[in-house]
N, C-alpha and C. Protein backbone atom coordinates (compact mmCIF):
# COMPACT_ATOMS: atom_id res chain seq x y z
N MET A 1 154.26 52.79 158.98
CA MET A 1 152.98 53.47 159.14
C MET A 1 152.01 52.48 159.77
N LYS A 2 151.36 52.89 160.86
CA LYS A 2 150.47 52.02 161.60
C LYS A 2 149.06 52.59 161.63
N TYR A 3 148.09 51.73 161.35
CA TYR A 3 146.68 52.12 161.49
C TYR A 3 146.37 52.29 162.97
N VAL A 4 145.66 53.37 163.31
CA VAL A 4 145.31 53.63 164.70
C VAL A 4 143.81 53.57 164.93
N CYS A 5 143.04 54.30 164.14
CA CYS A 5 141.60 54.38 164.38
C CYS A 5 140.91 55.04 163.18
N GLU A 6 139.62 55.16 163.29
CA GLU A 6 138.83 55.92 162.32
C GLU A 6 138.74 57.37 162.79
N VAL A 7 138.76 58.31 161.88
CA VAL A 7 138.62 59.73 162.24
C VAL A 7 137.33 59.95 163.02
N SER A 8 136.29 59.25 162.66
CA SER A 8 134.98 59.42 163.29
C SER A 8 134.97 59.04 164.77
N GLU A 9 136.00 58.35 165.24
CA GLU A 9 136.07 57.95 166.65
C GLU A 9 136.45 59.10 167.57
N ILE A 10 136.98 60.20 166.99
CA ILE A 10 137.48 61.30 167.81
C ILE A 10 136.85 62.61 167.34
N ASP A 11 135.91 63.11 168.12
CA ASP A 11 135.23 64.35 167.78
C ASP A 11 136.18 65.54 167.89
N VAL A 12 135.82 66.63 167.25
CA VAL A 12 136.60 67.86 167.32
C VAL A 12 136.76 68.27 168.79
N GLY A 13 138.00 68.57 169.16
CA GLY A 13 138.29 68.97 170.53
C GLY A 13 138.45 67.81 171.50
N GLU A 14 138.42 66.60 170.99
CA GLU A 14 138.54 65.41 171.83
C GLU A 14 139.87 64.70 171.60
N MET A 15 140.18 63.75 172.47
CA MET A 15 141.40 62.95 172.35
C MET A 15 141.10 61.54 172.82
N LYS A 16 141.94 60.61 172.37
CA LYS A 16 141.76 59.21 172.75
C LYS A 16 143.11 58.52 172.69
N GLY A 17 143.39 57.68 173.68
CA GLY A 17 144.66 56.96 173.73
C GLY A 17 144.55 55.57 173.14
N PHE A 18 145.64 55.10 172.54
CA PHE A 18 145.70 53.78 171.91
C PHE A 18 147.05 53.14 172.21
N ASP A 19 147.05 51.82 172.37
CA ASP A 19 148.30 51.07 172.48
C ASP A 19 148.64 50.53 171.10
N ILE A 20 149.77 50.95 170.56
CA ILE A 20 150.21 50.51 169.24
C ILE A 20 151.57 49.85 169.40
N ASP A 21 151.61 48.55 169.25
CA ASP A 21 152.87 47.80 169.36
C ASP A 21 153.68 48.17 170.59
N GLY A 22 153.00 48.29 171.73
CA GLY A 22 153.68 48.58 172.99
C GLY A 22 153.94 50.05 173.26
N THR A 23 153.50 50.93 172.39
CA THR A 23 153.65 52.37 172.58
C THR A 23 152.28 52.99 172.80
N ARG A 24 152.15 53.80 173.85
CA ARG A 24 150.90 54.51 174.09
C ARG A 24 150.91 55.76 173.22
N VAL A 25 149.91 55.88 172.36
CA VAL A 25 149.79 57.00 171.43
C VAL A 25 148.49 57.74 171.73
N LEU A 26 148.58 59.05 171.78
CA LEU A 26 147.41 59.89 171.99
C LEU A 26 147.05 60.54 170.66
N VAL A 27 145.82 60.33 170.21
CA VAL A 27 145.33 60.94 168.98
C VAL A 27 144.35 62.03 169.37
N LEU A 28 144.55 63.21 168.78
CA LEU A 28 143.75 64.38 169.13
C LEU A 28 143.13 64.98 167.87
N ASN A 29 141.93 65.51 168.02
CA ASN A 29 141.28 66.21 166.93
C ASN A 29 141.32 67.70 167.26
N ALA A 30 142.29 68.38 166.67
CA ALA A 30 142.52 69.81 166.92
C ALA A 30 141.83 70.63 165.85
N ASP A 31 140.59 70.98 166.13
CA ASP A 31 139.82 71.82 165.20
C ASP A 31 139.70 71.17 163.82
N GLY A 32 139.51 69.86 163.81
CA GLY A 32 139.34 69.11 162.57
C GLY A 32 140.62 68.54 162.00
N GLU A 33 141.76 68.89 162.57
CA GLU A 33 143.04 68.35 162.12
C GLU A 33 143.50 67.28 163.11
N ILE A 34 143.78 66.10 162.61
CA ILE A 34 144.18 64.98 163.47
C ILE A 34 145.67 65.10 163.78
N LYS A 35 146.00 65.02 165.06
CA LYS A 35 147.37 65.06 165.56
C LYS A 35 147.62 63.80 166.38
N ALA A 36 148.89 63.44 166.55
CA ALA A 36 149.23 62.28 167.38
C ALA A 36 150.53 62.57 168.12
N CYS A 37 150.58 62.13 169.36
CA CYS A 37 151.77 62.33 170.18
C CYS A 37 151.94 61.15 171.13
N ASP A 38 153.06 61.14 171.81
CA ASP A 38 153.29 60.14 172.83
C ASP A 38 152.17 60.27 173.86
N GLY A 39 151.59 59.17 174.26
CA GLY A 39 150.47 59.19 175.18
C GLY A 39 150.85 59.23 176.64
N ILE A 40 152.16 59.23 176.91
CA ILE A 40 152.66 59.25 178.28
C ILE A 40 153.42 60.56 178.51
N CYS A 41 153.11 61.24 179.59
CA CYS A 41 153.82 62.49 179.93
C CYS A 41 155.29 62.17 180.18
N PRO A 42 156.20 62.97 179.61
CA PRO A 42 157.62 62.71 179.81
C PRO A 42 158.10 63.01 181.23
N HIS A 43 157.25 63.59 182.04
CA HIS A 43 157.65 63.96 183.39
C HIS A 43 157.60 62.77 184.34
N GLN A 44 156.42 62.17 184.53
CA GLN A 44 156.30 61.08 185.48
C GLN A 44 155.44 59.94 184.96
N GLU A 45 155.45 59.74 183.66
CA GLU A 45 154.77 58.62 183.03
C GLU A 45 153.28 58.55 183.37
N VAL A 46 152.62 59.69 183.35
CA VAL A 46 151.18 59.79 183.55
C VAL A 46 150.50 59.70 182.19
N LEU A 47 149.36 59.02 182.11
CA LEU A 47 148.60 58.95 180.86
C LEU A 47 148.05 60.34 180.51
N LEU A 48 148.44 60.85 179.36
CA LEU A 48 147.98 62.17 178.95
C LEU A 48 146.49 62.20 178.59
N GLU A 49 145.92 61.05 178.24
CA GLU A 49 144.49 61.02 177.92
C GLU A 49 143.63 61.34 179.13
N GLU A 50 144.21 61.28 180.32
CA GLU A 50 143.49 61.65 181.54
C GLU A 50 143.58 63.14 181.82
N GLY A 51 144.31 63.86 180.97
CA GLY A 51 144.49 65.29 181.14
C GLY A 51 143.39 66.09 180.48
N ILE A 52 143.72 67.31 180.14
CA ILE A 52 142.77 68.26 179.57
C ILE A 52 143.25 68.66 178.18
N PHE A 53 142.32 68.71 177.24
CA PHE A 53 142.62 69.17 175.89
C PHE A 53 141.54 70.16 175.49
N ASP A 54 141.95 71.39 175.19
CA ASP A 54 140.97 72.43 174.85
C ASP A 54 140.87 72.66 173.35
N GLY A 55 141.42 71.75 172.56
CA GLY A 55 141.41 71.91 171.12
C GLY A 55 142.73 72.42 170.57
N CYS A 56 143.55 72.96 171.47
CA CYS A 56 144.87 73.45 171.09
C CYS A 56 145.92 73.04 172.13
N LEU A 57 145.66 73.33 173.39
CA LEU A 57 146.60 73.01 174.45
C LEU A 57 146.27 71.68 175.10
N LEU A 58 147.30 70.85 175.26
CA LEU A 58 147.19 69.59 175.97
C LEU A 58 147.85 69.78 177.32
N THR A 59 147.10 69.49 178.39
CA THR A 59 147.59 69.69 179.75
C THR A 59 147.60 68.37 180.50
N CYS A 60 148.75 68.01 181.04
CA CYS A 60 148.85 66.83 181.89
C CYS A 60 148.16 67.15 183.22
N HIS A 61 147.30 66.27 183.66
CA HIS A 61 146.53 66.52 184.89
C HIS A 61 147.37 66.42 186.15
N SER A 62 148.52 65.77 186.06
CA SER A 62 149.31 65.53 187.25
C SER A 62 150.07 66.77 187.74
N HIS A 63 150.80 67.43 186.84
CA HIS A 63 151.60 68.59 187.23
C HIS A 63 151.38 69.80 186.34
N LEU A 64 150.35 69.74 185.52
CA LEU A 64 149.92 70.86 184.67
C LEU A 64 150.92 71.26 183.59
N TRP A 65 151.77 70.33 183.17
CA TRP A 65 152.62 70.60 182.01
C TRP A 65 151.72 70.75 180.80
N GLN A 66 152.08 71.66 179.88
CA GLN A 66 151.26 71.93 178.70
C GLN A 66 152.09 71.96 177.42
N TRP A 67 151.44 71.49 176.34
CA TRP A 67 152.02 71.55 175.00
C TRP A 67 150.97 72.05 174.03
N ASN A 68 151.41 72.84 173.06
CA ASN A 68 150.54 73.30 171.99
C ASN A 68 150.55 72.22 170.91
N VAL A 69 149.42 71.58 170.66
CA VAL A 69 149.41 70.47 169.70
C VAL A 69 149.48 70.96 168.26
N GLN A 70 149.17 72.22 168.02
CA GLN A 70 149.28 72.77 166.66
C GLN A 70 150.74 72.95 166.26
N THR A 71 151.56 73.39 167.22
CA THR A 71 152.97 73.69 166.91
C THR A 71 153.94 72.65 167.49
N GLY A 72 153.49 71.88 168.47
CA GLY A 72 154.36 70.94 169.16
C GLY A 72 155.24 71.60 170.21
N GLU A 73 155.06 72.90 170.40
CA GLU A 73 155.88 73.66 171.33
C GLU A 73 155.44 73.49 172.77
N ILE A 74 156.40 73.61 173.67
CA ILE A 74 156.13 73.63 175.11
C ILE A 74 155.40 74.91 175.46
N GLU A 75 154.40 74.78 176.32
CA GLU A 75 153.72 75.94 176.88
C GLU A 75 154.12 76.03 178.34
N GLN A 76 153.34 76.72 179.15
CA GLN A 76 153.74 76.93 180.54
C GLN A 76 153.91 75.63 181.31
N GLU A 77 154.84 75.66 182.23
CA GLU A 77 155.15 74.59 183.16
C GLU A 77 155.99 73.45 182.59
N ALA A 78 155.76 73.04 181.37
CA ALA A 78 156.47 71.87 180.83
C ALA A 78 157.97 72.15 180.71
N GLU A 79 158.74 71.16 181.08
CA GLU A 79 160.19 71.29 181.03
C GLU A 79 160.82 70.35 180.01
N GLU A 80 160.00 69.51 179.39
CA GLU A 80 160.50 68.58 178.38
C GLU A 80 159.57 68.58 177.18
N ASP A 81 160.15 68.35 176.00
CA ASP A 81 159.35 68.23 174.78
C ASP A 81 158.50 66.98 174.84
N LEU A 82 157.39 67.03 174.16
CA LEU A 82 156.52 65.88 173.97
C LEU A 82 156.74 65.40 172.53
N LYS A 83 156.90 64.11 172.36
CA LYS A 83 157.14 63.57 171.02
C LYS A 83 155.83 63.56 170.22
N PHE A 84 155.86 64.20 169.06
CA PHE A 84 154.73 64.19 168.14
C PHE A 84 155.07 63.30 166.95
N PHE A 85 154.06 62.63 166.42
CA PHE A 85 154.23 61.75 165.28
C PHE A 85 153.57 62.37 164.05
N ASP A 86 154.10 62.06 162.89
CA ASP A 86 153.43 62.44 161.65
C ASP A 86 152.19 61.58 161.51
N VAL A 87 151.15 62.17 160.95
CA VAL A 87 149.86 61.50 160.79
C VAL A 87 149.44 61.55 159.32
N LYS A 88 148.87 60.46 158.87
CA LYS A 88 148.26 60.43 157.54
C LYS A 88 146.82 59.99 157.71
N VAL A 89 145.91 60.74 157.09
CA VAL A 89 144.50 60.36 157.09
C VAL A 89 144.15 59.96 155.67
N ASP A 90 143.64 58.74 155.53
CA ASP A 90 143.31 58.21 154.21
C ASP A 90 141.97 57.50 154.30
N ASP A 91 141.01 57.98 153.54
CA ASP A 91 139.68 57.37 153.48
C ASP A 91 139.07 57.21 154.88
N GLY A 92 139.22 58.25 155.71
CA GLY A 92 138.63 58.24 157.05
C GLY A 92 139.40 57.44 158.09
N LYS A 93 140.55 56.93 157.71
CA LYS A 93 141.38 56.14 158.62
C LYS A 93 142.61 56.96 159.04
N VAL A 94 142.98 56.84 160.32
CA VAL A 94 144.13 57.53 160.86
C VAL A 94 145.31 56.58 160.93
N PHE A 95 146.42 56.99 160.34
CA PHE A 95 147.66 56.22 160.39
C PHE A 95 148.73 57.10 161.04
N VAL A 96 149.54 56.50 161.90
CA VAL A 96 150.65 57.21 162.52
C VAL A 96 151.94 56.71 161.90
N ILE A 97 152.78 57.66 161.52
CA ILE A 97 154.05 57.35 160.87
C ILE A 97 155.17 57.47 161.90
N GLY A 98 156.08 56.54 161.88
CA GLY A 98 157.25 56.63 162.74
C GLY A 98 157.20 55.78 163.98
N LEU A 99 156.25 54.90 164.05
CA LEU A 99 156.19 53.97 165.20
C LEU A 99 156.95 52.72 164.89
């Protein structure tokens, strides 16, 4: 389990990328629920933090691949799964499990 950030650093509907031990991790605030996924698009290694997040759908800006961050499911265009990590929030701190 790795500490990533404070919950207060990521407003509702926002996302932020972090380098954790050589892995780019994207932390998202999906309607008050903190989610975390691989920060690099599996298609062409584009930073997903440069994409679009509407609070539910994460869209890579390069080729418009999309994933539903609530379910982890592929949405339109995406041809590969995005790796999601388990998250623990404790005393306002975000920890990612499985790194």
